[in-house]
Amino acid sequence: MKVLFICNQNENRSKTAEDVFKSRFKTKSAGLYNTKPVTEKQLSWADVIVVMEETQRTEIARRFPNQYMQKRIVSIDIPDIYHYNQPELIEALKSRVDNLF
């Protein structure tokens, strides 16, 4: 399964998720508000898109309405309070993603 993880900047949450789950899924990560924001091609690649906050799902719907309607997009409700590879972030990611799959 191909999973695309998305957060605001692709520095902490989605980047950590990409690394944590790469042995379990084919993973990529992207941001919405960074210098190279998520693309239509990246969304098309993914079987499942995991966003960290509900507002990110809304933003994907606004920017990419066609992909939004065709993809499974799930929010795992992890706030932007963590650093890259922070143990508490890894624990939260594992807990929420395990509940999804």
PDB file of N, CA and C in Angstrom:
ATOM      1  N   MET A   1       0.837  -1.176   0.000  1.00  0.00           N
ATOM      2  CA  MET A   1       0.000   0.000   0.000  1.00  0.00           C
ATOM      3  C   MET A   1       0.887   1.246   0.000  1.00  0.00           C
ATOM      4  N   LYS A   2       0.501   2.224  -0.788  1.00  0.00           N
ATOM      5  CA  LYS A   2       1.238   3.485  -0.895  1.00  0.00           C
ATOM      6  C   LYS A   2       0.537   4.542  -0.041  1.00  0.00           C
ATOM      7  N   VAL A   3       1.273   5.073   0.934  1.00  0.00           N
ATOM      8  CA  VAL A   3       0.706   6.038   1.876  1.00  0.00           C
ATOM      9  C   VAL A   3       1.478   7.348   1.788  1.00  0.00           C
ATOM     10  N   LEU A   4       0.739   8.424   1.585  1.00  0.00           N
ATOM     11  CA  LEU A   4       1.310   9.769   1.556  1.00  0.00           C
ATOM     12  C   LEU A   4       0.915  10.477   2.846  1.00  0.00           C
ATOM     13  N   PHE A   5       1.910  10.909   3.609  1.00  0.00           N
ATOM     14  CA  PHE A   5       1.684  11.646   4.853  1.00  0.00           C
ATOM     15  C   PHE A   5       1.858  13.132   4.578  1.00  0.00           C
ATOM     16  N   ILE A   6       0.901  13.925   5.034  1.00  0.00           N
ATOM     17  CA  ILE A   6       0.924  15.367   4.775  1.00  0.00           C
ATOM     18  C   ILE A   6       0.755  16.141   6.080  1.00  0.00           C
ATOM     19  N   CYS A   7       1.610  17.162   6.240  1.00  0.00           N
ATOM     20  CA  CYS A   7       1.435  18.135   7.325  1.00  0.00           C
ATOM     21  C   CYS A   7       1.660  19.531   6.729  1.00  0.00           C
ATOM     22  N   ASN A   8       1.876  20.514   7.570  1.00  0.00           N
ATOM     23  CA  ASN A   8       1.999  21.880   7.063  1.00  0.00           C
ATOM     24  C   ASN A   8       3.298  22.122   6.298  1.00  0.00           C
ATOM     25  N   GLN A   9       4.434  21.798   6.914  1.00  0.00           N
ATOM     26  CA  GLN A   9       5.730  22.139   6.335  1.00  0.00           C
ATOM     27  C   GLN A   9       6.540  20.942   5.841  1.00  0.00           C
ATOM     28  N   ASN A  10       6.128  19.738   6.166  1.00  0.00           N
ATOM     29  CA  ASN A  10       6.884  18.511   5.858  1.00  0.00           C
ATOM     30  C   ASN A  10       8.270  18.553   6.502  1.00  0.00           C
ATOM     31  N   GLU A  11       8.291  18.985   7.738  1.00  0.00           N
ATOM     32  CA  GLU A  11       9.559  19.011   8.481  1.00  0.00           C
ATOM     33  C   GLU A  11       9.548  18.048   9.658  1.00  0.00           C
ATOM     34  N   ASN A  12       8.429  17.937  10.347  1.00  0.00           N
ATOM     35  CA  ASN A  12       8.402  17.155  11.580  1.00  0.00           C
ATOM     36  C   ASN A  12       7.437  15.977  11.510  1.00  0.00           C
ATOM     37  N   ARG A  13       6.144  16.247  11.501  1.00  0.00           N
ATOM     38  CA  ARG A  13       5.158  15.168  11.606  1.00  0.00           C
ATOM     39  C   ARG A  13       5.148  14.240  10.401  1.00  0.00           C
ATOM     40  N   SER A  14       4.935  14.772   9.216  1.00  0.00           N
ATOM     41  CA  SER A  14       4.834  13.893   8.033  1.00  0.00           C
ATOM     42  C   SER A  14       6.177  13.256   7.684  1.00  0.00           C
ATOM     43  N   LYS A  15       7.253  13.985   7.882  1.00  0.00           N
ATOM     44  CA  LYS A  15       8.589  13.437   7.611  1.00  0.00           C
ATOM     45  C   LYS A  15       8.889  12.285   8.576  1.00  0.00           C
ATOM     46  N   THR A  16       8.541  12.447   9.844  1.00  0.00           N
ATOM     47  CA  THR A  16       8.720  11.366  10.816  1.00  0.00           C
ATOM     48  C   THR A  16       7.858  10.166  10.438  1.00  0.00           C
ATOM     49  N   ALA A  17       6.605  10.414  10.075  1.00  0.00           N
ATOM     50  CA  ALA A  17       5.705   9.313   9.697  1.00  0.00           C
ATOM     51  C   ALA A  17       6.249   8.550   8.487  1.00  0.00           C
ATOM     52  N   GLU A  18       6.766   9.271   7.500  1.00  0.00           N
ATOM     53  CA  GLU A  18       7.351   8.620   6.326  1.00  0.00           C
ATOM     54  C   GLU A  18       8.446   7.651   6.757  1.00  0.00           C
ATOM     55  N   ASP A  19       9.308   8.078   7.657  1.00  0.00           N
ATOM     56  CA  ASP A  19      10.419   7.238   8.120  1.00  0.00           C
ATOM     57  C   ASP A  19       9.943   6.074   8.986  1.00  0.00           C
ATOM     58  N   VAL A  20       9.017   6.346   9.889  1.00  0.00           N
ATOM     59  CA  VAL A  20       8.554   5.318  10.826  1.00  0.00           C
ATOM     60  C   VAL A  20       7.859   4.161  10.102  1.00  0.00           C
ATOM     61  N   PHE A  21       7.095   4.477   9.065  1.00  0.00           N
ATOM     62  CA  PHE A  21       6.268   3.448   8.426  1.00  0.00           C
ATOM     63  C   PHE A  21       6.819   2.917   7.110  1.00  0.00           C
ATOM     64  N   LYS A  22       8.037   3.308   6.739  1.00  0.00           N
ATOM     65  CA  LYS A  22       8.574   2.874   5.449  1.00  0.00           C
ATOM     66  C   LYS A  22       8.837   1.377   5.378  1.00  0.00           C
ATOM     67  N   SER A  23       8.962   0.722   6.514  1.00  0.00           N
ATOM     68  CA  SER A  23       9.148  -0.732   6.481  1.00  0.00           C
ATOM     69  C   SER A  23       7.809  -1.465   6.349  1.00  0.00           C
ATOM     70  N   ARG A  24       6.723  -0.754   6.570  1.00  0.00           N
ATOM     71  CA  ARG A  24       5.385  -1.350   6.538  1.00  0.00           C
ATOM     72  C   ARG A  24       4.616  -1.028   5.263  1.00  0.00           C
ATOM     73  N   PHE A  25       4.832   0.160   4.722  1.00  0.00           N
ATOM     74  CA  PHE A  25       4.145   0.650   3.520  1.00  0.00           C
ATOM     75  C   PHE A  25       5.171   1.286   2.591  1.00  0.00           C
ATOM     76  N   LYS A  26       4.736   1.570   1.365  1.00  0.00           N
ATOM     77  CA  LYS A  26       5.511   2.473   0.505  1.00  0.00           C
ATOM     78  C   LYS A  26       5.088   3.869   0.933  1.00  0.00           C
ATOM     79  N   THR A  27       6.041   4.658   1.412  1.00  0.00           N
ATOM     80  CA  THR A  27       5.679   5.951   2.001  1.00  0.00           C
ATOM     81  C   THR A  27       6.360   7.120   1.309  1.00  0.00           C
ATOM     82  N   LYS A  28       5.654   8.228   1.333  1.00  0.00           N
ATOM     83  CA  LYS A  28       6.187   9.529   0.931  1.00  0.00           C
ATOM     84  C   LYS A  28       5.581  10.547   1.876  1.00  0.00           C
ATOM     85  N   SER A  29       6.170  11.734   1.904  1.00  0.00           N
ATOM     86  CA  SER A  29       5.612  12.807   2.727  1.00  0.00           C
ATOM     87  C   SER A  29       5.658  14.111   1.950  1.00  0.00           C
ATOM     88  N   ALA A  30       4.789  15.026   2.363  1.00  0.00           N
ATOM     89  CA  ALA A  30       4.712  16.327   1.696  1.00  0.00           C
ATOM     90  C   ALA A  30       4.134  17.347   2.664  1.00  0.00           C
ATOM     91  N   GLY A  31       4.308  18.606   2.307  1.00  0.00           N
ATOM     92  CA  GLY A  31       3.736  19.702   3.082  1.00  0.00           C
ATOM     93  C   GLY A  31       2.760  20.491   2.240  1.00  0.00           C
ATOM     94  N   LEU A  32       1.962  21.282   2.900  1.00  0.00           N
ATOM     95  CA  LEU A  32       1.002  22.136   2.191  1.00  0.00           C
ATOM     96  C   LEU A  32       1.490  23.571   2.064  1.00  0.00           C
ATOM     97  N   TYR A  33       2.314  24.018   2.990  1.00  0.00           N
ATOM     98  CA  TYR A  33       2.664  25.446   3.044  1.00  0.00           C
ATOM     99  C   TYR A  33       4.157  25.683   2.999  1.00  0.00           C
ATOM    100  N   ASN A  34       4.904  24.784   2.382  1.00  0.00           N
ATOM    101  CA  ASN A  34       6.354  24.940   2.293  1.00  0.00           C
ATOM    102  C   ASN A  34       6.740  25.415   0.894  1.00  0.00           C
ATOM    103  N   THR A  35       8.027  25.464   0.603  1.00  0.00           N
ATOM    104  CA  THR A  35       8.482  25.989  -0.691  1.00  0.00           C
ATOM    105  C   THR A  35       8.161  25.047  -1.850  1.00  0.00           C
ATOM    106  N   LYS A  36       7.987  23.748  -1.561  1.00  0.00           N
ATOM    107  CA  LYS A  36       7.598  22.783  -2.592  1.00  0.00           C
ATOM    108  C   LYS A  36       6.365  22.030  -2.108  1.00  0.00           C
ATOM    109  N   PRO A  37       5.178  22.665  -2.176  1.00  0.00           N
ATOM    110  CA  PRO A  37       3.973  22.037  -1.630  1.00  0.00           C
ATOM    111  C   PRO A  37       3.555  20.784  -2.408  1.00  0.00           C
ATOM    112  N   VAL A  38       2.726  19.994  -1.756  1.00  0.00           N
ATOM    113  CA  VAL A  38       2.232  18.745  -2.336  1.00  0.00           C
ATOM    114  C   VAL A  38       1.675  18.990  -3.737  1.00  0.00           C
ATOM    115  N   THR A  39       1.894  18.015  -4.601  1.00  0.00           N
ATOM    116  CA  THR A  39       1.467  18.143  -5.995  1.00  0.00           C
ATOM    117  C   THR A  39       0.353  17.154  -6.321  1.00  0.00           C
ATOM    118  N   GLU A  40      -0.299  17.414  -7.419  1.00  0.00           N
ATOM    119  CA  GLU A  40      -1.331  16.508  -7.927  1.00  0.00           C
ATOM    120  C   GLU A  40      -0.734  15.124  -8.196  1.00  0.00           C
ATOM    121  N   LYS A  41       0.484  15.091  -8.693  1.00  0.00           N
ATOM    122  CA  LYS A  41       1.160  13.824  -8.978  1.00  0.00           C
ATOM    123  C   LYS A  41       1.369  13.009  -7.703  1.00  0.00           C
ATOM    124  N   GLN A  42       1.776  13.668  -6.630  1.00  0.00           N
ATOM    125  CA  GLN A  42       1.965  12.962  -5.358  1.00  0.00           C
ATOM    126  C   GLN A  42       0.644  12.397  -4.845  1.00  0.00           C
ATOM    127  N   LEU A  43      -0.412  13.186  -4.928  1.00  0.00           N
ATOM    128  CA  LEU A  43      -1.725  12.713  -4.487  1.00  0.00           C
ATOM    129  C   LEU A  43      -2.184  11.523  -5.329  1.00  0.00           C
ATOM    130  N   SER A  44      -1.954  11.590  -6.615  1.00  0.00           N
ATOM    131  CA  SER A  44      -2.354  10.501  -7.507  1.00  0.00           C
ATOM    132  C   SER A  44      -1.595   9.215  -7.207  1.00  0.00           C
ATOM    133  N   TRP A  45      -0.340   9.339  -6.793  1.00  0.00           N
ATOM    134  CA  TRP A  45       0.492   8.175  -6.472  1.00  0.00           C
ATOM    135  C   TRP A  45      -0.077   7.367  -5.310  1.00  0.00           C
ATOM    136  N   ALA A  46      -0.631   8.049  -4.323  1.00  0.00           N
ATOM    137  CA  ALA A  46      -1.002   7.420  -3.054  1.00  0.00           C
ATOM    138  C   ALA A  46      -2.298   6.621  -3.139  1.00  0.00           C
ATOM    139  N   ASP A  47      -2.311   5.497  -2.407  1.00  0.00           N
ATOM    140  CA  ASP A  47      -3.557   4.756  -2.185  1.00  0.00           C
ATOM    141  C   ASP A  47      -4.343   5.394  -1.046  1.00  0.00           C
ATOM    142  N   VAL A  48      -3.617   5.855  -0.046  1.00  0.00           N
ATOM    143  CA  VAL A  48      -4.215   6.504   1.119  1.00  0.00           C
ATOM    144  C   VAL A  48      -3.398   7.750   1.437  1.00  0.00           C
ATOM    145  N   ILE A  49      -4.100   8.821   1.778  1.00  0.00           N
ATOM    146  CA  ILE A  49      -3.453  10.069   2.176  1.00  0.00           C
ATOM    147  C   ILE A  49      -3.783  10.295   3.645  1.00  0.00           C
ATOM    148  N   VAL A  50      -2.738  10.460   4.448  1.00  0.00           N
ATOM    149  CA  VAL A  50      -2.915  10.677   5.878  1.00  0.00           C
ATOM    150  C   VAL A  50      -2.489  12.103   6.193  1.00  0.00           C
ATOM    151  N   VAL A  51      -3.445  12.898   6.682  1.00  0.00           N
ATOM    152  CA  VAL A  51      -3.143  14.265   7.098  1.00  0.00           C
ATOM    153  C   VAL A  51      -3.093  14.304   8.618  1.00  0.00           C
ATOM    154  N   MET A  52      -2.341  15.250   9.138  1.00  0.00           N
ATOM    155  CA  MET A  52      -2.159  15.340  10.581  1.00  0.00           C
ATOM    156  C   MET A  52      -3.292  16.100  11.265  1.00  0.00           C
ATOM    157  N   GLU A  53      -3.969  16.988  10.514  1.00  0.00           N
ATOM    158  CA  GLU A  53      -5.048  17.793  11.082  1.00  0.00           C
ATOM    159  C   GLU A  53      -6.172  17.912  10.062  1.00  0.00           C
ATOM    160  N   GLU A  54      -7.374  18.072  10.549  1.00  0.00           N
ATOM    161  CA  GLU A  54      -8.556  18.161   9.677  1.00  0.00           C
ATOM    162  C   GLU A  54      -8.461  19.356   8.727  1.00  0.00           C
ATOM    163  N   THR A  55      -7.844  20.454   9.154  1.00  0.00           N
ATOM    164  CA  THR A  55      -7.726  21.628   8.283  1.00  0.00           C
ATOM    165  C   THR A  55      -6.902  21.310   7.029  1.00  0.00           C
ATOM    166  N   GLN A  56      -5.995  20.356   7.137  1.00  0.00           N
ATOM    167  CA  GLN A  56      -5.189  19.970   5.974  1.00  0.00           C
ATOM    168  C   GLN A  56      -6.039  19.214   4.956  1.00  0.00           C
ATOM    169  N   ARG A  57      -6.965  18.410   5.431  1.00  0.00           N
ATOM    170  CA  ARG A  57      -7.881  17.719   4.516  1.00  0.00           C
ATOM    171  C   ARG A  57      -8.720  18.757   3.751  1.00  0.00           C
ATOM    172  N   THR A  58      -9.174  19.772   4.468  1.00  0.00           N
ATOM    173  CA  THR A  58      -9.963  20.842   3.851  1.00  0.00           C
ATOM    174  C   THR A  58      -9.155  21.570   2.782  1.00  0.00           C
ATOM    175  N   GLU A  59      -7.885  21.818   3.068  1.00  0.00           N
ATOM    176  CA  GLU A  59      -7.015  22.507   2.114  1.00  0.00           C
ATOM    177  C   GLU A  59      -6.772  21.648   0.873  1.00  0.00           C
ATOM    178  N   ILE A  60      -6.618  20.363   1.028  1.00  0.00           N
ATOM    179  CA  ILE A  60      -6.462  19.471  -0.126  1.00  0.00           C
ATOM    180  C   ILE A  60      -7.728  19.510  -0.981  1.00  0.00           C
ATOM    181  N   ALA A  61      -8.886  19.504  -0.338  1.00  0.00           N
ATOM    182  CA  ALA A  61     -10.149  19.579  -1.079  1.00  0.00           C
ATOM    183  C   ALA A  61     -10.233  20.873  -1.885  1.00  0.00           C
ATOM    184  N   ARG A  62      -9.753  21.957  -1.300  1.00  0.00           N
ATOM    185  CA  ARG A  62      -9.793  23.254  -1.984  1.00  0.00           C
ATOM    186  C   ARG A  62      -8.841  23.288  -3.176  1.00  0.00           C
ATOM    187  N   ARG A  63      -7.623  22.776  -2.987  1.00  0.00           N
ATOM    188  CA  ARG A  63      -6.613  22.847  -4.044  1.00  0.00           C
ATOM    189  C   ARG A  63      -6.778  21.773  -5.117  1.00  0.00           C
ATOM    190  N   PHE A  64      -7.236  20.601  -4.715  1.00  0.00           N
ATOM    191  CA  PHE A  64      -7.274  19.445  -5.620  1.00  0.00           C
ATOM    192  C   PHE A  64      -8.630  18.739  -5.529  1.00  0.00           C
ATOM    193  N   PRO A  65      -9.702  19.394  -5.968  1.00  0.00           N
ATOM    194  CA  PRO A  65     -11.036  18.794  -5.779  1.00  0.00           C
ATOM    195  C   PRO A  65     -11.205  17.429  -6.454  1.00  0.00           C
ATOM    196  N   ASN A  66     -10.595  17.224  -7.602  1.00  0.00           N
ATOM    197  CA  ASN A  66     -10.757  15.935  -8.291  1.00  0.00           C
ATOM    198  C   ASN A  66     -10.090  14.798  -7.531  1.00  0.00           C
ATOM    199  N   GLN A  67      -8.845  15.002  -7.087  1.00  0.00           N
ATOM    200  CA  GLN A  67      -8.147  13.971  -6.325  1.00  0.00           C
ATOM    201  C   GLN A  67      -8.828  13.744  -4.978  1.00  0.00           C
ATOM    202  N   TYR A  68      -9.323  14.808  -4.394  1.00  0.00           N
ATOM    203  CA  TYR A  68      -9.988  14.705  -3.098  1.00  0.00           C
ATOM    204  C   TYR A  68     -11.161  13.732  -3.160  1.00  0.00           C
ATOM    205  N   MET A  69     -11.914  13.800  -4.229  1.00  0.00           N
ATOM    206  CA  MET A  69     -13.090  12.936  -4.374  1.00  0.00           C
ATOM    207  C   MET A  69     -12.710  11.488  -4.677  1.00  0.00           C
ATOM    208  N   GLN A  70     -11.529  11.264  -5.196  1.00  0.00           N
ATOM    209  CA  GLN A  70     -11.119   9.928  -5.623  1.00  0.00           C
ATOM    210  C   GLN A  70     -10.277   9.188  -4.592  1.00  0.00           C
ATOM    211  N   LYS A  71      -9.822   9.842  -3.562  1.00  0.00           N
ATOM    212  CA  LYS A  71      -8.858   9.262  -2.632  1.00  0.00           C
ATOM    213  C   LYS A  71      -9.449   9.070  -1.239  1.00  0.00           C
ATOM    214  N   ARG A  72      -8.900   8.093  -0.545  1.00  0.00           N
ATOM    215  CA  ARG A  72      -9.201   7.954   0.876  1.00  0.00           C
ATOM    216  C   ARG A  72      -8.237   8.876   1.616  1.00  0.00           C
ATOM    217  N   ILE A  73      -8.786   9.877   2.285  1.00  0.00           N
ATOM    218  CA  ILE A  73      -7.984  10.844   3.033  1.00  0.00           C
ATOM    219  C   ILE A  73      -8.436  10.792   4.489  1.00  0.00           C
ATOM    220  N   VAL A  74      -7.500  10.474   5.365  1.00  0.00           N
ATOM    221  CA  VAL A  74      -7.843  10.344   6.777  1.00  0.00           C
ATOM    222  C   VAL A  74      -7.007  11.315   7.609  1.00  0.00           C
ATOM    223  N   SER A  75      -7.646  11.845   8.620  1.00  0.00           N
ATOM    224  CA  SER A  75      -6.961  12.747   9.551  1.00  0.00           C
ATOM    225  C   SER A  75      -6.676  11.996  10.840  1.00  0.00           C
ATOM    226  N   ILE A  76      -5.435  12.109  11.327  1.00  0.00           N
ATOM    227  CA  ILE A  76      -5.080  11.403  12.560  1.00  0.00           C
ATOM    228  C   ILE A  76      -4.928  12.348  13.756  1.00  0.00           C
ATOM    229  N   ASP A  77      -5.249  13.608  13.577  1.00  0.00           N
ATOM    230  CA  ASP A  77      -5.382  14.559  14.676  1.00  0.00           C
ATOM    231  C   ASP A  77      -4.135  14.628  15.570  1.00  0.00           C
ATOM    232  N   ILE A  78      -3.016  14.956  14.941  1.00  0.00           N
ATOM    233  CA  ILE A  78      -1.770  15.162  15.693  1.00  0.00           C
ATOM    234  C   ILE A  78      -1.366  16.628  15.529  1.00  0.00           C
ATOM    235  N   PRO A  79      -1.381  17.392  16.622  1.00  0.00           N
ATOM    236  CA  PRO A  79      -1.083  18.824  16.538  1.00  0.00           C
ATOM    237  C   PRO A  79       0.383  19.097  16.214  1.00  0.00           C
ATOM    238  N   ASP A  80       0.639  20.301  15.763  1.00  0.00           N
ATOM    239  CA  ASP A  80       1.985  20.715  15.348  1.00  0.00           C
ATOM    240  C   ASP A  80       2.790  21.203  16.557  1.00  0.00           C
ATOM    241  N   ILE A  81       3.075  20.274  17.467  1.00  0.00           N
ATOM    242  CA  ILE A  81       3.805  20.629  18.686  1.00  0.00           C
ATOM    243  C   ILE A  81       5.065  19.780  18.858  1.00  0.00           C
ATOM    244  N   TYR A  82       5.373  18.966  17.869  1.00  0.00           N
ATOM    245  CA  TYR A  82       6.479  18.017  17.995  1.00  0.00           C
ATOM    246  C   TYR A  82       7.646  18.384  17.082  1.00  0.00           C
ATOM    247  N   HIS A  83       8.798  17.795  17.410  1.00  0.00           N
ATOM    248  CA  HIS A  83       9.992  17.914  16.584  1.00  0.00           C
ATOM    249  C   HIS A  83      10.178  16.620  15.803  1.00  0.00           C
ATOM    250  N   TYR A  84      10.994  16.671  14.773  1.00  0.00           N
ATOM    251  CA  TYR A  84      11.285  15.493  13.950  1.00  0.00           C
ATOM    252  C   TYR A  84      11.810  14.349  14.816  1.00  0.00           C
ATOM    253  N   ASN A  85      11.202  13.186  14.655  1.00  0.00           N
ATOM    254  CA  ASN A  85      11.591  11.950  15.349  1.00  0.00           C
ATOM    255  C   ASN A  85      11.491  12.027  16.877  1.00  0.00           C
ATOM    256  N   GLN A  86      10.732  12.963  17.391  1.00  0.00           N
ATOM    257  CA  GLN A  86      10.516  13.048  18.840  1.00  0.00           C
ATOM    258  C   GLN A  86       9.789  11.775  19.300  1.00  0.00           C
ATOM    259  N   PRO A  87      10.260  11.130  20.383  1.00  0.00           N
ATOM    260  CA  PRO A  87       9.647   9.871  20.824  1.00  0.00           C
ATOM    261  C   PRO A  87       8.129   9.954  21.038  1.00  0.00           C
ATOM    262  N   GLU A  88       7.647  11.060  21.591  1.00  0.00           N
ATOM    263  CA  GLU A  88       6.201  11.217  21.802  1.00  0.00           C
ATOM    264  C   GLU A  88       5.454  11.291  20.483  1.00  0.00           C
ATOM    265  N   LEU A  89       6.058  11.900  19.475  1.00  0.00           N
ATOM    266  CA  LEU A  89       5.452  11.953  18.146  1.00  0.00           C
ATOM    267  C   LEU A  89       5.392  10.555  17.538  1.00  0.00           C
ATOM    268  N   ILE A  90       6.474   9.826  17.635  1.00  0.00           N
ATOM    269  CA  ILE A  90       6.506   8.464  17.084  1.00  0.00           C
ATOM    270  C   ILE A  90       5.441   7.601  17.750  1.00  0.00           C
ATOM    271  N   GLU A  91       5.310   7.717  19.057  1.00  0.00           N
ATOM    272  CA  GLU A  91       4.297   6.950  19.794  1.00  0.00           C
ATOM    273  C   GLU A  91       2.889   7.314  19.326  1.00  0.00           C
ATOM    274  N   ALA A  92       2.613   8.610  19.170  1.00  0.00           N
ATOM    275  CA  ALA A  92       1.289   9.057  18.716  1.00  0.00           C
ATOM    276  C   ALA A  92       1.015   8.568  17.296  1.00  0.00           C
ATOM    277  N   LEU A  93       2.001   8.661  16.420  1.00  0.00           N
ATOM    278  CA  LEU A  93       1.831   8.195  15.040  1.00  0.00           C
ATOM    279  C   LEU A  93       1.521   6.704  15.004  1.00  0.00           C
ATOM    280  N   LYS A  94       2.299   5.919  15.716  1.00  0.00           N
ATOM    281  CA  LYS A  94       2.092   4.460  15.712  1.00  0.00           C
ATOM    282  C   LYS A  94       0.711   4.108  16.237  1.00  0.00           C
ATOM    283  N   SER A  95       0.307   4.733  17.296  1.00  0.00           N
ATOM    284  CA  SER A  95      -1.001   4.459  17.898  1.00  0.00           C
ATOM    285  C   SER A  95      -2.138   4.763  16.922  1.00  0.00           C
ATOM    286  N   ARG A  96      -2.080   5.915  16.289  1.00  0.00           N
ATOM    287  CA  ARG A  96      -3.180   6.327  15.405  1.00  0.00           C
ATOM    288  C   ARG A  96      -3.171   5.563  14.077  1.00  0.00           C
ATOM    289  N   VAL A  97      -2.005   5.324  13.524  1.00  0.00           N
ATOM    290  CA  VAL A  97      -1.935   4.605  12.242  1.00  0.00           C
ATOM    291  C   VAL A  97      -2.301   3.130  12.439  1.00  0.00           C
ATOM    292  N   ASP A  98      -1.920   2.543  13.567  1.00  0.00           N
ATOM    293  CA  ASP A  98      -2.326   1.171  13.853  1.00  0.00           C
ATOM    294  C   ASP A  98      -3.845   1.044  13.909  1.00  0.00           C
ATOM    295  N   ASN A  99      -4.508   2.072  14.408  1.00  0.00           N
ATOM    296  CA  ASN A  99      -5.979   2.057  14.456  1.00  0.00           C
ATOM    297  C   ASN A  99      -6.599   2.154  13.070  1.00  0.00           C
ATOM    298  N   LEU A 100      -5.902   2.767  12.131  1.00  0.00           N
ATOM    299  CA  LEU A 100      -6.415   2.911  10.762  1.00  0.00           C
ATOM    300  C   LEU A 100      -6.297   1.611   9.958  1.00  0.00           C
ATOM    301  N   PHE A 101      -5.178   0.929  10.132  1.00  0.00           N
ATOM    302  CA  PHE A 101      -4.887  -0.240   9.300  1.00  0.00           C
ATOM    303  C   PHE A 101      -4.891  -1.495  10.144  1.00  0.00           C
TER     304      PHE A 101
END
